[in-house]
Amino acid sequence: MDGLDLSGASWRKSSRSDATRECVEVAAVASHVPIRDSKATDVGTLLVTPIAWRALLHSLGARANG
């Protein structure tokens, strides 16, 4: 999505993050969930819809519990 300004986004780091792991950060904006690498924030951002984000979290939770 061209033109989405994320400069003022409030990024949250994964709760499983620490100094030795590769982790992700997410932010909430109006129509998408931006996702980025916490150790390379300038590389780029993946934008997914809130529905896709919930499906991803559900899938990861199912794998962790399975």
PDB file of N, CA and C in Angstrom:
ATOM      1  N   MET A   1       0.848  -1.172   0.000  1.00  0.00           N
ATOM      2  CA  MET A   1       0.000   0.000   0.000  1.00  0.00           C
ATOM      3  C   MET A   1       0.891   1.231   0.000  1.00  0.00           C
ATOM      4  N   ASP A   2       1.001   1.880  -1.124  1.00  0.00           N
ATOM      5  CA  ASP A   2       1.836   3.061  -1.249  1.00  0.00           C
ATOM      6  C   ASP A   2       1.231   4.232  -0.487  1.00  0.00           C
ATOM      7  N   GLY A   3       2.089   5.017   0.139  1.00  0.00           N
ATOM      8  CA  GLY A   3       1.645   6.244   0.782  1.00  0.00           C
ATOM      9  C   GLY A   3       1.171   6.093   2.210  1.00  0.00           C
ATOM     10  N   LEU A   4       1.224   4.914   2.787  1.00  0.00           N
ATOM     11  CA  LEU A   4       0.814   4.744   4.174  1.00  0.00           C
ATOM     12  C   LEU A   4       1.931   5.262   5.072  1.00  0.00           C
ATOM     13  N   ASP A   5       1.646   6.306   5.827  1.00  0.00           N
ATOM     14  CA  ASP A   5       2.642   6.929   6.691  1.00  0.00           C
ATOM     15  C   ASP A   5       2.674   6.205   8.040  1.00  0.00           C
ATOM     16  N   LEU A   6       3.758   5.524   8.305  1.00  0.00           N
ATOM     17  CA  LEU A   6       3.914   4.793   9.561  1.00  0.00           C
ATOM     18  C   LEU A   6       4.861   5.490  10.530  1.00  0.00           C
ATOM     19  N   SER A   7       5.243   6.720  10.215  1.00  0.00           N
ATOM     20  CA  SER A   7       6.215   7.431  11.050  1.00  0.00           C
ATOM     21  C   SER A   7       5.705   7.677  12.465  1.00  0.00           C
ATOM     22  N   GLY A   8       4.413   7.804  12.647  1.00  0.00           N
ATOM     23  CA  GLY A   8       3.857   8.035  13.973  1.00  0.00           C
ATOM     24  C   GLY A   8       3.253   6.793  14.600  1.00  0.00           C
ATOM     25  N   ALA A   9       3.465   5.643  13.970  1.00  0.00           N
ATOM     26  CA  ALA A   9       2.877   4.402  14.474  1.00  0.00           C
ATOM     27  C   ALA A   9       3.489   4.014  15.816  1.00  0.00           C
ATOM     28  N   SER A  10       2.676   3.433  16.648  1.00  0.00           N
ATOM     29  CA  SER A  10       3.123   2.937  17.946  1.00  0.00           C
ATOM     30  C   SER A  10       3.416   1.443  17.796  1.00  0.00           C
ATOM     31  N   TRP A  11       4.688   1.099  17.729  1.00  0.00           N
ATOM     32  CA  TRP A  11       5.114  -0.274  17.488  1.00  0.00           C
ATOM     33  C   TRP A  11       5.198  -1.041  18.785  1.00  0.00           C
ATOM     34  N   ARG A  12       4.785  -2.307  18.762  1.00  0.00           N
ATOM     35  CA  ARG A  12       4.891  -3.203  19.924  1.00  0.00           C
ATOM     36  C   ARG A  12       5.754  -4.393  19.540  1.00  0.00           C
ATOM     37  N   LYS A  13       6.686  -4.713  20.402  1.00  0.00           N
ATOM     38  CA  LYS A  13       7.569  -5.847  20.163  1.00  0.00           C
ATOM     39  C   LYS A  13       6.940  -7.114  20.733  1.00  0.00           C
ATOM     40  N   SER A  14       7.239  -8.230  20.119  1.00  0.00           N
ATOM     41  CA  SER A  14       6.742  -9.512  20.575  1.00  0.00           C
ATOM     42  C   SER A  14       7.062  -9.720  22.047  1.00  0.00           C
ATOM     43  N   SER A  15       6.134 -10.302  22.772  1.00  0.00           N
ATOM     44  CA  SER A  15       6.360 -10.574  24.194  1.00  0.00           C
ATOM     45  C   SER A  15       7.440 -11.634  24.397  1.00  0.00           C
ATOM     46  N   ARG A  16       7.773 -12.376  23.358  1.00  0.00           N
ATOM     47  CA  ARG A  16       8.823 -13.398  23.450  1.00  0.00           C
ATOM     48  C   ARG A  16      10.182 -12.866  23.026  1.00  0.00           C
ATOM     49  N   SER A  17      10.276 -11.577  22.833  1.00  0.00           N
ATOM     50  CA  SER A  17      11.503 -10.957  22.350  1.00  0.00           C
ATOM     51  C   SER A  17      12.513 -10.766  23.471  1.00  0.00           C
ATOM     52  N   ASP A  18      13.772 -10.932  23.126  1.00  0.00           N
ATOM     53  CA  ASP A  18      14.857 -10.534  24.013  1.00  0.00           C
ATOM     54  C   ASP A  18      16.046 -10.144  23.134  1.00  0.00           C
ATOM     55  N   ALA A  19      17.142  -9.790  23.725  1.00  0.00           N
ATOM     56  CA  ALA A  19      18.275  -9.250  22.974  1.00  0.00           C
ATOM     57  C   ALA A  19      18.938 -10.263  22.040  1.00  0.00           C
ATOM     58  N   THR A  20      18.704 -11.545  22.253  1.00  0.00           N
ATOM     59  CA  THR A  20      19.395 -12.552  21.448  1.00  0.00           C
ATOM     60  C   THR A  20      18.524 -13.191  20.376  1.00  0.00           C
ATOM     61  N   ARG A  21      17.247 -12.840  20.297  1.00  0.00           N
ATOM     62  CA  ARG A  21      16.335 -13.460  19.342  1.00  0.00           C
ATOM     63  C   ARG A  21      15.952 -12.504  18.224  1.00  0.00           C
ATOM     64  N   GLU A  22      15.592 -13.084  17.099  1.00  0.00           N
ATOM     65  CA  GLU A  22      15.013 -12.301  16.016  1.00  0.00           C
ATOM     66  C   GLU A  22      13.515 -12.226  16.270  1.00  0.00           C
ATOM     67  N   CYS A  23      12.981 -11.033  16.361  1.00  0.00           N
ATOM     68  CA  CYS A  23      11.570 -10.877  16.695  1.00  0.00           C
ATOM     69  C   CYS A  23      10.902  -9.875  15.762  1.00  0.00           C
ATOM     70  N   VAL A  24       9.622  -9.810  15.895  1.00  0.00           N
ATOM     71  CA  VAL A  24       8.846  -8.895  15.071  1.00  0.00           C
ATOM     72  C   VAL A  24       8.189  -7.842  15.940  1.00  0.00           C
ATOM     73  N   GLU A  25       7.840  -6.740  15.282  1.00  0.00           N
ATOM     74  CA  GLU A  25       7.064  -5.679  15.905  1.00  0.00           C
ATOM     75  C   GLU A  25       5.813  -5.484  15.059  1.00  0.00           C
ATOM     76  N   VAL A  26       4.735  -5.112  15.709  1.00  0.00           N
ATOM     77  CA  VAL A  26       3.491  -4.815  15.005  1.00  0.00           C
ATOM     78  C   VAL A  26       2.965  -3.477  15.474  1.00  0.00           C
ATOM     79  N   ALA A  27       2.168  -2.868  14.626  1.00  0.00           N
ATOM     80  CA  ALA A  27       1.504  -1.614  14.977  1.00  0.00           C
ATOM     81  C   ALA A  27       0.069  -1.699  14.483  1.00  0.00           C
ATOM     82  N   ALA A  28      -0.794  -0.949  15.077  1.00  0.00           N
ATOM     83  CA  ALA A  28      -2.184  -0.908  14.629  1.00  0.00           C
ATOM     84  C   ALA A  28      -2.422   0.425  13.919  1.00  0.00           C
ATOM     85  N   VAL A  29      -2.887   0.341  12.713  1.00  0.00           N
ATOM     86  CA  VAL A  29      -3.307   1.524  11.969  1.00  0.00           C
ATOM     87  C   VAL A  29      -4.718   1.257  11.470  1.00  0.00           C
ATOM     88  N   ALA A  30      -5.323   2.239  10.848  1.00  0.00           N
ATOM     89  CA  ALA A  30      -6.735   2.181  10.501  1.00  0.00           C
ATOM     90  C   ALA A  30      -7.169   0.904   9.773  1.00  0.00           C
ATOM     91  N   SER A  31      -6.479   0.524   8.731  1.00  0.00           N
ATOM     92  CA  SER A  31      -6.992  -0.562   7.906  1.00  0.00           C
ATOM     93  C   SER A  31      -6.062  -1.762   7.782  1.00  0.00           C
ATOM     94  N   HIS A  32      -4.886  -1.701   8.362  1.00  0.00           N
ATOM     95  CA  HIS A  32      -3.914  -2.774   8.213  1.00  0.00           C
ATOM     96  C   HIS A  32      -3.148  -3.006   9.512  1.00  0.00           C
ATOM     97  N   VAL A  33      -2.446  -4.127   9.560  1.00  0.00           N
ATOM     98  CA  VAL A  33      -1.519  -4.411  10.651  1.00  0.00           C
ATOM     99  C   VAL A  33      -0.129  -4.460  10.028  1.00  0.00           C
ATOM    100  N   PRO A  34       0.688  -3.425  10.256  1.00  0.00           N
ATOM    101  CA  PRO A  34       2.054  -3.457   9.754  1.00  0.00           C
ATOM    102  C   PRO A  34       2.926  -4.343  10.641  1.00  0.00           C
ATOM    103  N   ILE A  35       3.801  -5.113   9.999  1.00  0.00           N
ATOM    104  CA  ILE A  35       4.698  -6.031  10.692  1.00  0.00           C
ATOM    105  C   ILE A  35       6.109  -5.751  10.196  1.00  0.00           C
ATOM    106  N   ARG A  36       7.074  -5.681  11.106  1.00  0.00           N
ATOM    107  CA  ARG A  36       8.461  -5.446  10.689  1.00  0.00           C
ATOM    108  C   ARG A  36       9.416  -6.219  11.584  1.00  0.00           C
ATOM    109  N   ASP A  37      10.620  -6.390  11.109  1.00  0.00           N
ATOM    110  CA  ASP A  37      11.691  -7.047  11.855  1.00  0.00           C
ATOM    111  C   ASP A  37      12.202  -6.062  12.902  1.00  0.00           C
ATOM    112  N   SER A  38      12.211  -6.464  14.154  1.00  0.00           N
ATOM    113  CA  SER A  38      12.614  -5.548  15.229  1.00  0.00           C
ATOM    114  C   SER A  38      14.090  -5.183  15.181  1.00  0.00           C
ATOM    115  N   LYS A  39      14.913  -5.988  14.518  1.00  0.00           N
ATOM    116  CA  LYS A  39      16.343  -5.700  14.442  1.00  0.00           C
ATOM    117  C   LYS A  39      16.729  -5.010  13.137  1.00  0.00           C
ATOM    118  N   ALA A  40      15.779  -4.873  12.216  1.00  0.00           N
ATOM    119  CA  ALA A  40      16.042  -4.215  10.930  1.00  0.00           C
ATOM    120  C   ALA A  40      14.814  -3.416  10.527  1.00  0.00           C
ATOM    121  N   THR A  41      14.473  -2.437  11.341  1.00  0.00           N
ATOM    122  CA  THR A  41      13.226  -1.701  11.134  1.00  0.00           C
ATOM    123  C   THR A  41      13.206  -0.871   9.858  1.00  0.00           C
ATOM    124  N   ASP A  42      14.372  -0.592   9.293  1.00  0.00           N
ATOM    125  CA  ASP A  42      14.435   0.227   8.085  1.00  0.00           C
ATOM    126  C   ASP A  42      14.343  -0.594   6.796  1.00  0.00           C
ATOM    127  N   VAL A  43      14.296  -1.914   6.888  1.00  0.00           N
ATOM    128  CA  VAL A  43      14.297  -2.778   5.708  1.00  0.00           C
ATOM    129  C   VAL A  43      12.961  -2.771   4.983  1.00  0.00           C
ATOM    130  N   GLY A  44      11.893  -2.730   5.716  1.00  0.00           N
ATOM    131  CA  GLY A  44      10.574  -2.731   5.090  1.00  0.00           C
ATOM    132  C   GLY A  44       9.514  -3.216   6.058  1.00  0.00           C
ATOM    133  N   THR A  45       8.283  -3.104   5.605  1.00  0.00           N
ATOM    134  CA  THR A  45       7.146  -3.460   6.433  1.00  0.00           C
ATOM    135  C   THR A  45       6.179  -4.307   5.625  1.00  0.00           C
ATOM    136  N   LEU A  46       5.716  -5.362   6.225  1.00  0.00           N
ATOM    137  CA  LEU A  46       4.687  -6.201   5.631  1.00  0.00           C
ATOM    138  C   LEU A  46       3.348  -5.708   6.154  1.00  0.00           C
ATOM    139  N   LEU A  47       2.411  -5.437   5.249  1.00  0.00           N
ATOM    140  CA  LEU A  47       1.081  -4.998   5.655  1.00  0.00           C
ATOM    141  C   LEU A  47       0.086  -6.117   5.413  1.00  0.00           C
ATOM    142  N   VAL A  48      -0.669  -6.458   6.437  1.00  0.00           N
ATOM    143  CA  VAL A  48      -1.723  -7.456   6.305  1.00  0.00           C
ATOM    144  C   VAL A  48      -3.028  -6.871   6.837  1.00  0.00           C
ATOM    145  N   THR A  49      -4.130  -7.438   6.409  1.00  0.00           N
ATOM    146  CA  THR A  49      -5.428  -6.987   6.915  1.00  0.00           C
ATOM    147  C   THR A  49      -5.615  -7.515   8.333  1.00  0.00           C
ATOM    148  N   PRO A  50      -6.478  -6.880   9.101  1.00  0.00           N
ATOM    149  CA  PRO A  50      -6.746  -7.399  10.449  1.00  0.00           C
ATOM    150  C   PRO A  50      -7.257  -8.841  10.431  1.00  0.00           C
ATOM    151  N   ILE A  51      -8.034  -9.202   9.433  1.00  0.00           N
ATOM    152  CA  ILE A  51      -8.533 -10.583   9.325  1.00  0.00           C
ATOM    153  C   ILE A  51      -7.367 -11.549   9.108  1.00  0.00           C
ATOM    154  N   ALA A  52      -6.432 -11.190   8.224  1.00  0.00           N
ATOM    155  CA  ALA A  52      -5.272 -12.043   7.980  1.00  0.00           C
ATOM    156  C   ALA A  52      -4.405 -12.142   9.231  1.00  0.00           C
ATOM    157  N   TRP A  53      -4.259 -11.066   9.969  1.00  0.00           N
ATOM    158  CA  TRP A  53      -3.468 -11.065  11.200  1.00  0.00           C
ATOM    159  C   TRP A  53      -4.079 -12.019  12.229  1.00  0.00           C
ATOM    160  N   ARG A  54      -5.399 -11.932  12.411  1.00  0.00           N
ATOM    161  CA  ARG A  54      -6.068 -12.838  13.354  1.00  0.00           C
ATOM    162  C   ARG A  54      -5.918 -14.298  12.921  1.00  0.00           C
ATOM    163  N   ALA A  55      -6.010 -14.554  11.617  1.00  0.00           N
ATOM    164  CA  ALA A  55      -5.849 -15.921  11.116  1.00  0.00           C
ATOM    165  C   ALA A  55      -4.432 -16.425  11.393  1.00  0.00           C
ATOM    166  N   LEU A  56      -3.434 -15.566  11.206  1.00  0.00           N
ATOM    167  CA  LEU A  56      -2.050 -15.947  11.493  1.00  0.00           C
ATOM    168  C   LEU A  56      -1.878 -16.275  12.970  1.00  0.00           C
ATOM    169  N   LEU A  57      -2.377 -15.418  13.836  1.00  0.00           N
ATOM    170  CA  LEU A  57      -2.249 -15.666  15.277  1.00  0.00           C
ATOM    171  C   LEU A  57      -2.974 -16.950  15.678  1.00  0.00           C
ATOM    172  N   HIS A  58      -4.147 -17.188  15.107  1.00  0.00           N
ATOM    173  CA  HIS A  58      -4.896 -18.411  15.385  1.00  0.00           C
ATOM    174  C   HIS A  58      -4.090 -19.632  14.949  1.00  0.00           C
ATOM    175  N   SER A  59      -3.514 -19.570  13.760  1.00  0.00           N
ATOM    176  CA  SER A  59      -2.715 -20.673  13.226  1.00  0.00           C
ATOM    177  C   SER A  59      -1.498 -20.946  14.103  1.00  0.00           C
ATOM    178  N   LEU A  60      -0.821 -19.902  14.530  1.00  0.00           N
ATOM    179  CA  LEU A  60       0.367 -20.069  15.375  1.00  0.00           C
ATOM    180  C   LEU A  60      -0.031 -20.634  16.741  1.00  0.00           C
ATOM    181  N   GLY A  61      -1.159 -20.181  17.262  1.00  0.00           N
ATOM    182  CA  GLY A  61      -1.633 -20.707  18.539  1.00  0.00           C
ATOM    183  C   GLY A  61      -2.001 -22.170  18.440  1.00  0.00           C
ATOM    184  N   ALA A  62      -2.603 -22.571  17.336  1.00  0.00           N
ATOM    185  CA  ALA A  62      -2.982 -23.960  17.138  1.00  0.00           C
ATOM    186  C   ALA A  62      -1.742 -24.836  17.045  1.00  0.00           C
ATOM    187  N   ARG A  63      -0.688 -24.338  16.402  1.00  0.00           N
ATOM    188  CA  ARG A  63       0.552 -25.118  16.292  1.00  0.00           C
ATOM    189  C   ARG A  63       1.241 -25.245  17.643  1.00  0.00           C
ATOM    190  N   ALA A  64       1.204 -24.171  18.424  1.00  0.00           N
ATOM    191  CA  ALA A  64       1.862 -24.190  19.724  1.00  0.00           C
ATOM    192  C   ALA A  64       1.138 -25.136  20.695  1.00  0.00           C
ATOM    193  N   ASN A  65      -0.153 -25.246  20.519  1.00  0.00           N
ATOM    194  CA  ASN A  65      -0.941 -26.102  21.423  1.00  0.00           C
ATOM    195  C   ASN A  65      -1.113 -27.516  20.895  1.00  0.00           C
ATOM    196  N   GLY A  66      -0.665 -27.765  19.667  1.00  0.00           N
ATOM    197  CA  GLY A  66      -0.899 -29.077  19.054  1.00  0.00           C
ATOM    198  C   GLY A  66       0.204 -29.965  19.237  1.00  0.00           C
TER     199      GLY A  66
END
